[in-house]
Amino acid sequence: MERQTFENAIVVKQTGVLYRLTFLPEWKPFTAILSGRLRLAGSKLTNPITVGDKVSGHWQPDDKGKHRKAVITNISPRTNYLIRKATNLSRQAHVIAANLDRAYIILSATEPQTPTQFIDRFLVTCQAYSVPATIVLNKTDELEWAEGYDRLTEQLKDIYTKAGYEILEVSAKTGDGMDVLAKKLKDSVSLLSGISGVGKSTLVNTLDPSLRLKTAPISSAHLTGKHTTTFYEMHPLQTGGFVIDSPGIKGFGLIEMTREEISHYFPEIFKHSRHCYYNSCLHAEEPDCAVKEAVEKGIIAVERYQNYLKLLEDPDGGKYRT
């Protein structure tokens, strides 16, 4: 039997050693395995191939020559990707997703609160790997009765508006703002990410109720979310576009990034760094620093600057967890 090949298939899910592929924009997923060569090539990663990757390979018949099995033999160059330090110490990194039109970090207006350290690590990684990023503030309906969170929400919006990021305010419960989000997601491949409990899967279900992704309430004792999404998985939306739902992330360690580079990925810090006296200024202890002057004047948010200093001290996230 002559070997048949396939090209330009998109990875939409990985579960263990099995992958699900389809040929976008059609949605007809089929199962594939990874060739031994690719498994070895990704020895420094927890996952040599990730959701969003464009792959090629061949169809391999079984012993009876009847049921075909897809084998992935090649991965196309990525236009971009998101990567973080792996929690598995035997490996170096975990690739979250690839070939994204945009990444959305989902936050809760009430609980659970996402530390700004986590937000900035995520945004810095997006900036470093050429993934446009948007902040989505979910559960805005709860601000009506959750005392004190309206002030925290305004502070958060002020911090990231100053930094130049778009913030979408939505409520998966009431539907407020969901039409705007749906338009943003249409005709694109997007990642929804964030800590557990902020409502990532609920947002996807609201956008497309037919998907029926598993959800769970946050813990009333600890005000933290429960993991309901186990794998990174791409889903088609009835309103158009494809979204990658992700498991809740506890830590976001940076990788492949030097201390000298970090300031380049804070847009507002990089903008003001051009006016520093020293070209090699790290904006920490150096005199005549335009960045520190902008912080003192309130042009750069203090919280962003403090998180930048923490990244200088601990870029791999070893001391940080949500």
Protein backbone atom coordinates (compact mmCIF):
# COMPACT_ATOMS: atom_id res chain seq x y z
CA MET A 1 0.00 0.00 0.00
CA GLU A 2 1.37 3.38 -1.02
CA ARG A 3 2.02 5.72 1.90
CA GLN A 4 -0.29 8.73 1.91
CA THR A 5 0.85 12.02 3.40
CA PHE A 6 -0.92 15.03 4.89
CA GLU A 7 0.15 18.65 5.38
CA ASN A 8 -0.95 21.76 7.26
CA ALA A 9 -2.95 19.96 9.92
CA ILE A 10 -3.49 21.95 13.13
CA VAL A 11 -3.00 20.42 16.59
CA VAL A 12 -6.19 21.01 18.59
CA LYS A 13 -5.52 18.80 21.64
CA GLN A 14 -2.89 16.63 23.27
CA THR A 15 -3.67 13.89 25.79
CA GLY A 16 -0.61 11.92 26.79
CA VAL A 17 0.99 10.48 23.65
CA LEU A 18 -2.07 11.11 21.47
CA TYR A 19 -2.82 14.26 19.49
CA ARG A 20 -6.00 15.49 17.85
CA LEU A 21 -5.61 17.26 14.52
CA THR A 22 -7.85 19.00 12.01
CA PHE A 23 -7.55 21.02 8.82
CA LEU A 24 -8.83 24.50 9.65
CA PRO A 25 -11.26 26.05 8.93
CA GLU A 26 -12.97 22.63 8.71
CA TRP A 27 -13.57 20.92 12.03
CA LYS A 28 -13.12 17.18 11.56
CA PRO A 29 -10.59 16.13 14.25
CA PHE A 30 -8.65 12.88 13.90
CA THR A 31 -6.12 11.17 16.14
CA ALA A 32 -2.37 11.09 15.54
CA ILE A 33 0.82 10.00 17.27
CA LEU A 34 4.26 11.58 17.26
CA SER A 35 7.19 10.06 15.38
CA GLY A 36 10.14 8.96 17.49
CA ARG A 37 12.40 11.56 15.87
CA LEU A 38 10.18 14.43 17.04
CA ARG A 39 9.90 13.01 20.54
CA LEU A 40 13.68 13.06 20.87
CA ALA A 41 13.96 16.50 19.28
CA GLY A 42 11.81 17.95 22.04
CA SER A 43 13.88 16.54 24.88
CA LYS A 44 14.29 19.99 26.50
CA LEU A 45 10.54 20.56 26.50
CA THR A 46 7.65 18.89 28.28
CA ASN A 47 5.86 19.01 24.92
CA PRO A 48 7.71 19.19 21.58
CA ILE A 49 4.40 19.92 19.84
CA THR A 50 1.62 22.08 21.24
CA VAL A 51 -1.93 23.17 20.48
CA GLY A 52 -1.95 25.53 17.51
CA ASP A 53 1.08 23.97 15.84
CA LYS A 54 0.88 23.30 12.11
CA VAL A 55 2.13 19.79 11.34
CA SER A 56 2.57 17.31 8.52
CA GLY A 57 3.03 13.55 8.40
CA HIS A 58 1.70 10.37 6.86
CA TRP A 59 -1.03 7.79 7.24
CA GLN A 60 0.18 4.44 8.51
CA PRO A 61 -2.02 1.33 8.02
CA ASP A 62 -2.42 -1.20 10.79
CA ASP A 63 -1.32 -4.84 10.50
CA LYS A 64 -4.41 -5.69 8.47
CA GLY A 65 -3.96 -2.70 6.21
CA LYS A 66 -7.43 -1.39 7.03
CA HIS A 67 -7.60 1.29 9.72
CA ARG A 68 -5.21 4.15 9.09
CA LYS A 69 -3.21 5.82 11.84
CA ALA A 70 -1.79 9.33 11.44
CA VAL A 71 1.87 9.86 12.34
CA ILE A 72 3.23 13.40 12.81
CA THR A 73 6.69 13.67 11.30
CA ASN A 74 7.26 17.41 10.94
CA ILE A 75 6.31 20.67 12.59
CA SER A 76 6.17 23.90 10.55
CA PRO A 77 7.99 27.01 11.79
CA ARG A 78 5.87 28.92 14.32
CA THR A 79 4.80 32.50 13.73
CA ASN A 80 4.78 32.92 17.52
CA TYR A 81 4.25 30.94 20.70
CA LEU A 82 3.95 31.23 24.47
CA ILE A 83 6.36 29.39 26.74
CA ARG A 84 6.92 29.21 30.49
CA LYS A 85 9.27 27.49 32.90
CA ALA A 86 8.09 23.93 33.39
CA THR A 87 6.92 22.72 36.78
CA ASN A 88 8.49 19.36 35.93
CA LEU A 89 12.09 19.85 37.07
CA SER A 90 13.42 17.20 34.68
CA ARG A 91 12.56 19.47 31.76
CA GLN A 92 13.32 23.08 30.99
CA ALA A 93 10.15 24.56 29.53
CA HIS A 94 6.53 24.03 28.58
CA VAL A 95 5.13 25.52 25.37
CA ILE A 96 1.58 26.69 26.10
CA ALA A 97 0.28 27.32 22.58
CA ALA A 98 1.53 28.39 19.15
CA ASN A 99 0.52 30.43 16.10
CA LEU A 100 -1.85 32.69 18.02
CA ASP A 101 -3.63 35.75 16.72
CA ARG A 102 -4.08 36.99 20.28
CA ALA A 103 -3.86 35.87 23.93
CA TYR A 104 -6.45 36.92 26.48
CA ILE A 105 -5.59 36.87 30.17
CA ILE A 106 -8.82 36.39 32.09
CA LEU A 107 -9.14 38.11 35.48
CA SER A 108 -11.96 38.15 38.00
CA ALA A 109 -13.37 41.47 39.17
CA THR A 110 -13.94 39.85 42.59
CA GLU A 111 -12.58 36.44 43.58
CA PRO A 112 -10.21 34.84 42.97
CA GLN A 113 -7.90 37.84 42.66
CA THR A 114 -4.96 37.44 40.28
CA PRO A 115 -1.69 38.89 41.65
CA THR A 116 -0.25 41.60 39.42
CA GLN A 117 3.02 39.62 39.47
CA PHE A 118 1.26 36.86 37.55
CA ILE A 119 -0.39 39.30 35.17
CA ASP A 120 2.92 40.98 34.37
CA ARG A 121 4.78 37.70 33.88
CA PHE A 122 2.10 36.66 31.39
CA LEU A 123 2.13 40.00 29.56
CA VAL A 124 5.94 40.11 29.45
CA THR A 125 6.00 36.65 27.87
CA CYS A 126 3.40 37.70 25.29
CA GLN A 127 5.48 40.77 24.46
CA ALA A 128 8.69 38.72 24.20
CA TYR A 129 7.21 36.11 21.86
CA SER A 130 5.18 38.46 19.63
CA VAL A 131 1.72 37.49 20.84
CA PRO A 132 -0.70 40.45 21.07
CA ALA A 133 -2.40 40.47 24.48
CA THR A 134 -5.69 41.73 25.87
CA ILE A 135 -6.96 41.75 29.45
CA VAL A 136 -10.49 40.46 30.07
CA LEU A 137 -12.10 41.42 33.37
CA ASN A 138 -14.84 38.85 34.08
CA LYS A 139 -17.56 38.73 36.79
CA THR A 140 -18.23 42.47 36.61
CA ASP A 141 -21.82 41.77 37.70
CA GLU A 142 -20.51 40.82 41.15
CA LEU A 143 -19.21 44.36 41.74
CA GLU A 144 -22.76 45.39 42.66
CA TRP A 145 -22.64 43.46 45.93
CA ALA A 146 -18.97 42.55 46.54
CA GLU A 147 -17.86 45.41 48.81
CA GLY A 148 -14.44 46.92 48.17
CA TYR A 149 -13.77 45.25 44.84
CA ASP A 150 -14.94 48.24 42.80
CA ARG A 151 -11.95 50.18 44.16
CA LEU A 152 -9.54 47.31 43.41
CA THR A 153 -10.98 47.03 39.90
CA GLU A 154 -10.46 50.72 39.21
CA GLN A 155 -6.86 50.45 40.46
CA LEU A 156 -6.23 47.48 38.18
CA LYS A 157 -7.72 49.28 35.18
CA ASP A 158 -5.58 52.35 35.89
CA ILE A 159 -2.38 50.27 36.10
CA TYR A 160 -2.84 48.51 32.77
CA THR A 161 -4.44 51.37 30.87
CA LYS A 162 -1.31 53.38 31.67
CA ALA A 163 0.77 50.49 30.33
CA GLY A 164 -1.16 50.61 27.05
CA TYR A 165 -3.21 47.41 27.32
CA GLU A 166 -6.79 47.01 26.17
CA ILE A 167 -9.18 45.92 28.94
CA LEU A 168 -12.53 44.27 28.14
CA GLU A 169 -15.11 44.23 30.94
CA VAL A 170 -17.52 41.29 30.69
CA SER A 171 -19.89 39.14 32.66
CA ALA A 172 -20.39 35.55 31.58
CA LYS A 173 -23.40 35.44 33.94
CA THR A 174 -25.36 38.42 32.59
CA GLY A 175 -23.85 38.52 29.10
CA ASP A 176 -22.65 42.10 29.45
CA GLY A 177 -19.73 42.77 27.09
CA MET A 178 -19.85 39.28 25.59
CA ASP A 179 -20.84 40.59 22.16
CA VAL A 180 -17.68 42.70 22.09
CA LEU A 181 -15.55 39.70 23.09
CA ALA A 182 -17.22 37.50 20.45
CA LYS A 183 -16.38 40.04 17.74
CA LYS A 184 -12.76 40.14 18.90
CA LEU A 185 -12.50 36.34 18.72
CA LYS A 186 -14.14 35.97 15.31
CA ASP A 187 -11.94 34.82 12.41
CA SER A 188 -8.93 34.21 14.67
CA VAL A 189 -7.16 31.66 16.87
CA SER A 190 -7.07 32.91 20.45
CA LEU A 191 -5.79 31.64 23.79
CA LEU A 192 -7.78 32.17 26.99
CA SER A 193 -5.51 31.88 30.02
CA GLY A 194 -5.44 32.74 33.71
CA ILE A 195 -5.53 31.24 37.18
CA SER A 196 -8.19 28.72 38.22
CA GLY A 197 -11.61 30.10 39.05
CA VAL A 198 -11.63 33.27 36.96
CA GLY A 199 -14.20 31.81 34.58
CA LYS A 200 -12.30 30.81 31.43
CA SER A 201 -14.46 27.78 30.62
CA THR A 202 -17.64 29.62 31.64
CA LEU A 203 -16.79 32.38 29.18
CA VAL A 204 -16.35 29.82 26.39
CA ASN A 205 -19.68 28.17 27.30
CA THR A 206 -21.39 31.57 27.19
CA LEU A 207 -19.91 32.28 23.77
CA ASP A 208 -20.98 28.84 22.54
CA PRO A 209 -23.38 26.89 24.83
CA SER A 210 -23.11 23.79 22.62
CA LEU A 211 -19.55 23.17 23.87
CA ARG A 212 -20.63 22.46 27.48
CA LEU A 213 -17.16 22.67 28.98
CA LYS A 214 -16.87 21.48 32.56
CA THR A 215 -16.95 24.24 35.19
CA ALA A 216 -16.85 24.39 39.00
CA PRO A 217 -17.47 27.07 41.66
CA ILE A 218 -14.53 28.57 43.54
CA SER A 219 -13.72 27.36 47.06
CA SER A 220 -15.65 29.40 49.63
CA ALA A 221 -13.00 28.61 52.26
CA HIS A 222 -9.94 29.75 50.32
CA LEU A 223 -11.50 31.88 47.54
CA THR A 224 -9.54 29.92 44.96
CA GLY A 225 -10.61 28.10 41.83
CA LYS A 226 -10.76 24.39 41.14
CA HIS A 227 -9.07 22.86 38.10
CA THR A 228 -11.76 21.77 35.63
CA THR A 229 -9.79 22.00 32.37
CA THR A 230 -7.10 19.30 32.26
CA PHE A 231 -5.57 19.83 28.83
CA TYR A 232 -4.99 22.75 26.50
CA GLU A 233 -7.68 22.31 23.87
CA MET A 234 -8.89 24.28 20.87
CA HIS A 235 -12.62 24.69 20.28
CA PRO A 236 -14.58 26.13 17.31
CA LEU A 237 -17.06 28.87 18.18
CA GLN A 238 -20.48 29.16 16.55
CA THR A 239 -19.93 32.92 16.44
CA GLY A 240 -16.71 32.38 14.48
CA GLY A 241 -13.10 31.81 15.38
CA PHE A 242 -11.29 29.22 17.48
CA VAL A 243 -10.38 29.49 21.16
CA ILE A 244 -7.86 27.52 23.18
CA ASP A 245 -9.12 26.86 26.69
CA SER A 246 -6.36 26.27 29.20
CA PRO A 247 -5.92 24.72 32.65
CA GLY A 248 -5.51 27.18 35.51
CA ILE A 249 -1.86 28.19 35.90
CA LYS A 250 -0.28 28.55 39.35
CA GLY A 251 3.06 30.01 38.33
CA PHE A 252 4.55 31.68 35.29
CA GLY A 253 8.34 31.50 35.25
CA LEU A 254 10.10 33.30 32.41
CA ILE A 255 12.53 31.43 30.21
CA GLU A 256 15.09 32.31 27.52
CA MET A 257 15.22 35.89 28.78
CA THR A 258 18.18 37.83 30.20
CA ARG A 259 17.95 40.51 32.90
CA GLU A 260 18.95 43.12 30.35
CA GLU A 261 16.03 42.17 28.09
CA ILE A 262 13.22 42.25 30.63
CA SER A 263 12.64 46.01 30.50
CA HIS A 264 12.11 45.76 26.73
CA TYR A 265 8.92 43.81 27.36
CA PHE A 266 7.31 46.43 29.60
CA PRO A 267 6.20 48.85 26.84
CA GLU A 268 5.94 51.91 29.08
CA ILE A 269 9.31 51.21 30.74
CA PHE A 270 11.01 50.62 27.41
CA LYS A 271 9.57 53.88 26.07
CA HIS A 272 11.08 55.95 28.90
CA SER A 273 14.35 53.98 29.03
CA ARG A 274 15.52 55.77 25.89
CA HIS A 275 16.04 58.87 28.00
CA CYS A 276 18.15 57.22 30.71
CA TYR A 277 21.68 58.58 31.14
CA TYR A 278 23.23 55.10 30.88
CA ASN A 279 22.48 52.97 27.82
CA SER A 280 22.81 49.84 29.95
CA CYS A 281 20.53 51.16 32.70
CA LEU A 282 18.53 48.44 34.48
CA HIS A 283 16.36 51.11 36.16
CA ALA A 284 17.15 49.78 39.61
CA GLU A 285 20.06 51.50 41.40
CA GLU A 286 21.44 53.64 38.57
CA PRO A 287 21.36 57.45 38.84
CA ASP A 288 19.72 59.74 36.24
CA CYS A 289 17.16 57.06 35.37
CA ALA A 290 14.25 58.33 33.29
CA VAL A 291 12.15 55.29 34.22
CA LYS A 292 12.38 55.96 37.96
CA GLU A 293 11.55 59.60 37.29
CA ALA A 294 8.42 58.53 35.35
CA VAL A 295 7.39 56.30 38.27
CA GLU A 296 7.78 59.22 40.70
CA LYS A 297 5.60 61.40 38.46
CA GLY A 298 2.91 58.71 38.24
CA ILE A 299 3.37 58.19 34.49
CA ILE A 300 4.43 54.57 35.06
CA ALA A 301 2.36 52.64 37.64
CA VAL A 302 4.30 51.86 40.82
CA GLU A 303 2.96 48.29 40.80
CA ARG A 304 4.33 47.63 37.32
CA TYR A 305 7.72 49.03 38.26
CA GLN A 306 7.85 46.95 41.46
CA ASN A 307 6.97 43.81 39.51
CA TYR A 308 9.70 44.65 37.01
CA LEU A 309 12.24 44.79 39.86
CA LYS A 310 10.99 41.44 41.16
CA LEU A 311 11.50 39.93 37.70
CA LEU A 312 15.08 41.20 37.69
CA GLU A 313 15.62 39.36 40.96
CA ASP A 314 13.73 36.19 40.08
CA PRO A 315 12.93 35.81 36.35
CA ASP A 316 12.32 32.06 36.44
CA GLY A 317 9.53 32.32 38.98
CA GLY A 318 11.21 30.15 41.60
CA LYS A 319 10.04 32.38 44.46
CA TYR A 320 6.62 33.13 43.02
CA ARG A 321 3.34 31.27 42.96
CA THR A 322 -0.24 32.51 42.92
